[in-house]
Every structure is written in structure tokens, then in C-alpha cells.
Amino acid sequence: MSLRIGLHKRMQIHVAALTQKALGYDEFTRRAIEQERMAQKKSAPDALTEQQTCLSQNRDPVILPQSPEISGERNVRLRRHVVSSPISGVKAENEHKKSMRQRLVLVRGAWRQFQKTRDRDGVYGYLRAVFSLVRHYRGRRRTKRLLRRSFKFAGLPSDMSMDPFAAVIRSTCEEKLDRKTVSKWSRALRYAARFKKPRVRLIPFIKNRGGINGCAALYTEHLGRGGR
């Protein structure tokens, strides 16, 4: 008999037929092959209907043993379902809410590192951390949320009109900078955010335009011409 089914299925039918006493080897094999061909042509609901038809006609539906490969595939689908469950979604949302504070902690860590090094260029590492944080949330249109979280993070009164660069600097410098310095550093970063090309790194960009003082002056000059 020519069988147009996979070798693995044929072996299943053969093993099951050897243990079948009620129908006999030949009858069991014929029915199993017939049902296998029908199952390949029908969807899952149709296959269920076929099983019900066998019962109504007083025919025993042939149930083949399930292979380990099928069981493994089902387990994979089950794991995927668990990952995409509503509970997992809530956990992901909670992690997202924590991430803003965690990012502020990292920026404050960059500030403390700058305070320890006392290196002339050490401030650039801190400004790069501030710049990356603000650009990250500005790109997601969450600047107002960043302002609220920043002031809350530092225990400062909220000022929603403040520039986000200045707000993050004030919130992470541990109140060791005066308003004039905060303003100057903020203007330098605002100038970089406006004119720096995406592929250009922040620190070379600032240094090539006169450093922090130069970028702050360029930003003020730009505002003096009516631009923002």
C-alpha cells in the first residue's frame, strides 16, 4: 500500500495497530490513514466534526499517540501566551515607571563621579548623561512627566515652565550649583540639541564650538535674533 504521509506518522500508525485487538491490524491501519488524509485537508473544527461523525456511525475514532515534538511545540505556545498575558503587561508598565527614576539615579551618579575626579573635562561626562536623559524622553513626548519626576526626585518645588535640561541639572547636582551655572550649562545643551547632527557626538560638538561657554553664548545669540 502506498502511503502519502510522513515516515513518523506511518510508524505511529504501525505501532498503534500492533496493539489494537478490536479492529485488527488491517482495519485499524486503513481507518488511521483515512483520518490522517482527512485531517490534512480540514481545519481543526472540521477534524472535530469528523470525530463526531465516527461516533454517530458507531465507528471508533482512531487516536494516535502524540509525539514529543507536538508536545514541545504546544509548550512553546503556552510559554508565549504567558509572556503576553495581562499580568506580564502590568509588570512591564511598572518597570517602565521605575526606569525614569533609575535614569535620574544614573545621572546623579555621573555628577558624583565628576565631583570625585576634579578633572577639567570631567563635567562633559555629566552633561552627556543629562543630554541623553532629556533627549530620550523628549523623543517620546514625555518632557512634562520628566519635569515632575525630576523635581520630586530632588525634593524641589515643581516649576513646569523650566527648561528640561535645567530641571535635570538642578535635580541631580545635589544643590551644589548656583542658578547662573545651571542656566549656562542648560543653554549649552539646548544649543547642542538644536544644531548637533545625529551622528556627531556631543562632547566633540561642544568643544569645537568654544566649549560650554561658547555654546551657551551661541544659544543666547541665536535667541537674540528671534530664534528658539
Protein backbone atom coordinates (compact mmCIF):
# COMPACT_ATOMS: atom_id res chain seq x y z
CA MET A 1 0.00 0.00 0.00
CA SER A 2 1.35 3.41 -1.00
CA LEU A 3 1.24 5.78 1.96
CA ARG A 4 1.49 9.55 1.30
CA ILE A 5 2.12 10.57 4.84
CA GLY A 6 5.33 11.18 6.75
CA LEU A 7 7.55 8.40 7.96
CA HIS A 8 6.95 9.41 11.55
CA LYS A 9 3.16 9.17 11.16
CA ARG A 10 3.45 5.79 9.49
CA MET A 11 5.49 4.49 12.37
CA GLN A 12 2.87 5.78 14.82
CA ILE A 13 0.08 4.01 12.93
CA HIS A 14 2.12 0.80 12.72
CA VAL A 15 2.85 0.76 16.46
CA ALA A 16 -0.75 1.59 17.37
CA ALA A 17 -2.10 -1.10 15.01
CA LEU A 18 0.06 -3.80 16.60
CA THR A 19 -1.60 -3.13 19.97
CA GLN A 20 -5.14 -2.92 18.54
CA LYS A 21 -7.25 -6.05 19.13
CA ALA A 22 -10.83 -4.92 18.46
CA LEU A 23 -10.39 -3.91 14.79
CA GLY A 24 -7.33 -5.84 13.74
CA TYR A 25 -4.19 -4.60 12.12
CA ASP A 26 -5.51 -4.03 8.57
CA GLU A 27 -8.78 -2.32 9.51
CA PHE A 28 -7.12 -0.09 12.11
CA THR A 29 -4.43 0.93 9.61
CA ARG A 30 -6.99 1.73 6.90
CA ARG A 31 -9.05 3.92 9.20
CA ALA A 32 -5.98 5.67 10.58
CA ILE A 33 -4.68 6.51 7.10
CA GLU A 34 -8.12 7.73 6.02
CA GLN A 35 -8.43 10.02 9.04
CA GLU A 36 -4.88 11.32 8.57
CA ARG A 37 -5.65 12.33 5.00
CA MET A 38 -8.91 13.97 6.05
CA ALA A 39 -7.15 15.87 8.83
CA GLN A 40 -4.63 17.30 6.36
CA LYS A 41 -7.42 18.73 4.23
CA LYS A 42 -9.60 20.09 7.02
CA SER A 43 -9.21 22.72 9.68
CA ALA A 44 -9.33 21.96 13.41
CA PRO A 45 -13.16 22.40 13.71
CA ASP A 46 -13.64 20.04 10.72
CA ALA A 47 -11.42 17.45 12.33
CA LEU A 48 -13.62 17.60 15.42
CA THR A 49 -16.70 17.09 13.25
CA GLU A 50 -15.05 14.03 11.71
CA GLN A 51 -14.53 12.54 15.14
CA GLN A 52 -18.19 13.17 15.99
CA THR A 53 -19.26 11.52 12.71
CA CYS A 54 -17.27 8.42 13.62
CA LEU A 55 -19.10 8.20 16.92
CA SER A 56 -22.54 8.67 15.31
CA GLN A 57 -21.80 5.86 12.85
CA ASN A 58 -20.69 3.58 15.66
CA ARG A 59 -17.12 3.72 14.44
CA ASP A 60 -14.25 4.00 16.86
CA PRO A 61 -12.23 7.16 16.19
CA VAL A 62 -8.55 6.35 15.83
CA ILE A 63 -6.43 8.26 18.34
CA LEU A 64 -2.76 8.13 17.61
CA PRO A 65 -0.16 8.67 20.32
CA GLN A 66 1.10 12.24 20.47
CA SER A 67 4.72 12.76 19.51
CA PRO A 68 7.20 14.58 21.75
CA GLU A 69 7.69 17.18 19.02
CA ILE A 70 4.00 18.14 19.12
CA SER A 71 4.03 18.33 22.90
CA GLY A 72 7.11 20.54 22.82
CA GLU A 73 5.51 22.87 20.29
CA ARG A 74 2.43 23.16 22.46
CA ASN A 75 4.57 24.02 25.48
CA VAL A 76 6.29 26.75 23.46
CA ARG A 77 2.92 28.24 22.52
CA LEU A 78 1.86 28.10 26.16
CA ARG A 79 5.01 29.94 27.27
CA ARG A 80 4.40 32.60 24.64
CA HIS A 81 0.87 33.05 25.94
CA VAL A 82 2.15 33.53 29.46
CA VAL A 83 4.68 36.13 28.35
CA SER A 84 1.99 38.15 26.57
CA SER A 85 -0.55 37.85 29.39
CA PRO A 86 -2.11 40.95 31.03
CA ILE A 87 -0.12 40.31 34.21
CA SER A 88 3.13 40.49 32.25
CA GLY A 89 1.90 43.73 30.70
CA VAL A 90 1.37 45.22 34.15
CA LYS A 91 4.88 44.19 35.19
CA ALA A 92 6.32 45.80 32.06
CA GLU A 93 4.43 49.02 32.83
CA ASN A 94 5.76 49.02 36.38
CA GLU A 95 9.28 48.55 35.09
CA HIS A 96 8.76 51.49 32.75
CA LYS A 97 7.62 53.69 35.64
CA LYS A 98 10.72 52.74 37.59
CA SER A 99 13.02 53.43 34.67
CA MET A 100 12.70 57.22 34.87
CA ARG A 101 13.87 57.29 38.47
CA GLN A 102 16.61 54.81 37.66
CA ARG A 103 17.82 57.06 34.86
CA LEU A 104 17.86 60.04 37.20
CA VAL A 105 19.90 57.99 39.65
CA LEU A 106 22.41 57.27 36.88
CA VAL A 107 22.67 60.97 36.04
CA ARG A 108 23.24 61.78 39.70
CA GLY A 109 25.92 59.08 39.73
CA ALA A 110 27.60 60.83 36.79
CA TRP A 111 27.53 64.06 38.82
CA ARG A 112 29.18 62.39 41.80
CA GLN A 113 31.79 60.86 39.55
CA PHE A 114 32.53 64.33 38.17
CA GLN A 115 32.89 65.65 41.72
CA LYS A 116 35.37 62.91 42.57
CA THR A 117 37.61 63.26 39.54
CA ARG A 118 38.06 67.04 39.60
CA ASP A 119 39.22 66.61 36.02
CA ARG A 120 38.94 69.65 33.76
CA ASP A 121 36.92 67.69 31.21
CA GLY A 122 35.04 65.65 33.81
CA VAL A 123 31.99 67.85 33.50
CA TYR A 124 31.40 66.64 29.95
CA GLY A 125 30.57 63.14 31.13
CA TYR A 126 27.90 64.57 33.41
CA LEU A 127 26.49 66.86 30.70
CA ARG A 128 26.36 63.92 28.31
CA ALA A 129 24.25 61.99 30.85
CA VAL A 130 21.89 64.96 31.24
CA PHE A 131 21.66 65.41 27.48
CA SER A 132 20.88 61.73 26.85
CA LEU A 133 18.15 61.63 29.50
CA VAL A 134 16.32 64.72 28.24
CA ARG A 135 16.56 63.68 24.59
CA HIS A 136 15.30 60.19 25.49
CA TYR A 137 12.04 61.44 26.99
CA ARG A 138 11.62 64.40 24.68
CA GLY A 139 11.60 61.99 21.76
CA ARG A 140 8.74 60.15 23.46
CA ARG A 141 6.86 63.37 24.23
CA ARG A 142 7.16 62.86 27.96
CA THR A 143 9.01 66.04 28.85
CA LYS A 144 6.36 67.20 31.34
CA ARG A 145 6.48 63.87 33.13
CA LEU A 146 10.26 64.14 33.26
CA LEU A 147 9.96 67.60 34.83
CA ARG A 148 7.56 66.37 37.52
CA ARG A 149 9.68 63.31 38.32
CA SER A 150 12.90 65.33 38.39
CA PHE A 151 11.60 67.84 40.93
CA LYS A 152 10.07 65.05 43.00
CA PHE A 153 13.34 63.10 42.81
CA ALA A 154 15.27 66.03 44.31
CA GLY A 155 12.51 67.16 46.69
CA LEU A 156 12.26 70.53 44.94
CA PRO A 157 9.11 72.59 44.25
CA SER A 158 7.78 71.97 40.76
CA ASP A 159 8.33 74.55 38.04
CA MET A 160 6.75 73.27 34.84
CA SER A 161 7.95 76.30 32.87
CA MET A 162 11.61 75.44 33.44
CA ASP A 163 13.71 74.10 30.59
CA PRO A 164 14.09 70.30 30.97
CA PHE A 165 17.89 70.45 30.75
CA ALA A 166 17.98 72.99 33.59
CA ALA A 167 15.47 70.94 35.60
CA VAL A 168 17.53 67.75 35.34
CA ILE A 169 20.74 69.60 36.22
CA ARG A 170 19.12 71.20 39.27
CA SER A 171 17.66 67.87 40.35
CA THR A 172 20.88 65.87 40.09
CA CYS A 173 23.63 68.33 41.14
CA GLU A 174 22.68 67.95 44.82
CA GLU A 175 22.16 71.73 45.09
CA LYS A 176 25.86 72.42 44.56
CA LEU A 177 25.43 74.70 41.52
CA ASP A 178 24.14 78.27 41.52
CA ARG A 179 21.40 79.37 39.14
CA LYS A 180 23.87 81.13 36.84
CA THR A 181 25.86 77.95 36.24
CA VAL A 182 22.71 75.87 35.80
CA SER A 183 21.47 78.35 33.21
CA LYS A 184 24.80 78.37 31.31
CA TRP A 185 25.07 74.59 31.15
CA SER A 186 21.43 74.33 30.15
CA ARG A 187 21.87 76.83 27.30
CA ALA A 188 24.89 74.92 26.03
CA LEU A 189 22.88 71.69 25.92
CA ARG A 190 19.91 73.41 24.30
CA TYR A 191 22.20 74.70 21.57
CA ALA A 192 23.56 71.18 21.01
CA ALA A 193 20.04 69.74 20.92
CA ARG A 194 19.11 72.24 18.23
CA PHE A 195 22.14 72.14 15.93
CA LYS A 196 24.05 68.89 16.55
CA LYS A 197 23.74 66.30 13.79
CA PRO A 198 22.59 62.82 14.93
CA ARG A 199 25.90 61.15 14.02
CA VAL A 200 28.04 63.79 15.73
CA ARG A 201 29.00 63.05 19.33
CA LEU A 202 28.06 65.59 21.96
CA ILE A 203 31.44 66.27 23.56
CA PRO A 204 33.37 66.98 20.29
CA PHE A 205 30.45 69.14 19.14
CA ILE A 206 30.61 71.33 22.25
CA LYS A 207 34.41 71.53 22.30
CA ASN A 208 34.59 72.50 18.63
CA ARG A 209 32.33 75.50 19.31
CA GLY A 210 34.20 77.00 22.20
CA GLY A 211 33.23 74.61 24.95
CA ILE A 212 30.36 75.17 27.37
CA ASN A 213 30.79 78.95 27.42
CA GLY A 214 30.94 79.13 23.63
CA CYS A 215 27.80 77.04 23.09
CA ALA A 216 25.92 78.97 25.76
CA ALA A 217 26.89 82.26 24.08
CA LEU A 218 25.87 80.94 20.66
CA TYR A 219 22.49 79.92 22.02
CA THR A 220 21.97 83.37 23.55
CA GLU A 221 22.99 84.96 20.26
CA HIS A 222 20.57 82.76 18.41
CA LEU A 223 17.75 83.78 20.75
CA GLY A 224 18.70 87.43 20.27
CA ARG A 225 17.87 87.06 16.59
CA GLY A 226 14.41 85.82 17.47
CA GLY A 227 15.01 82.07 17.06
CA ARG A 228 14.11 79.34 19.52
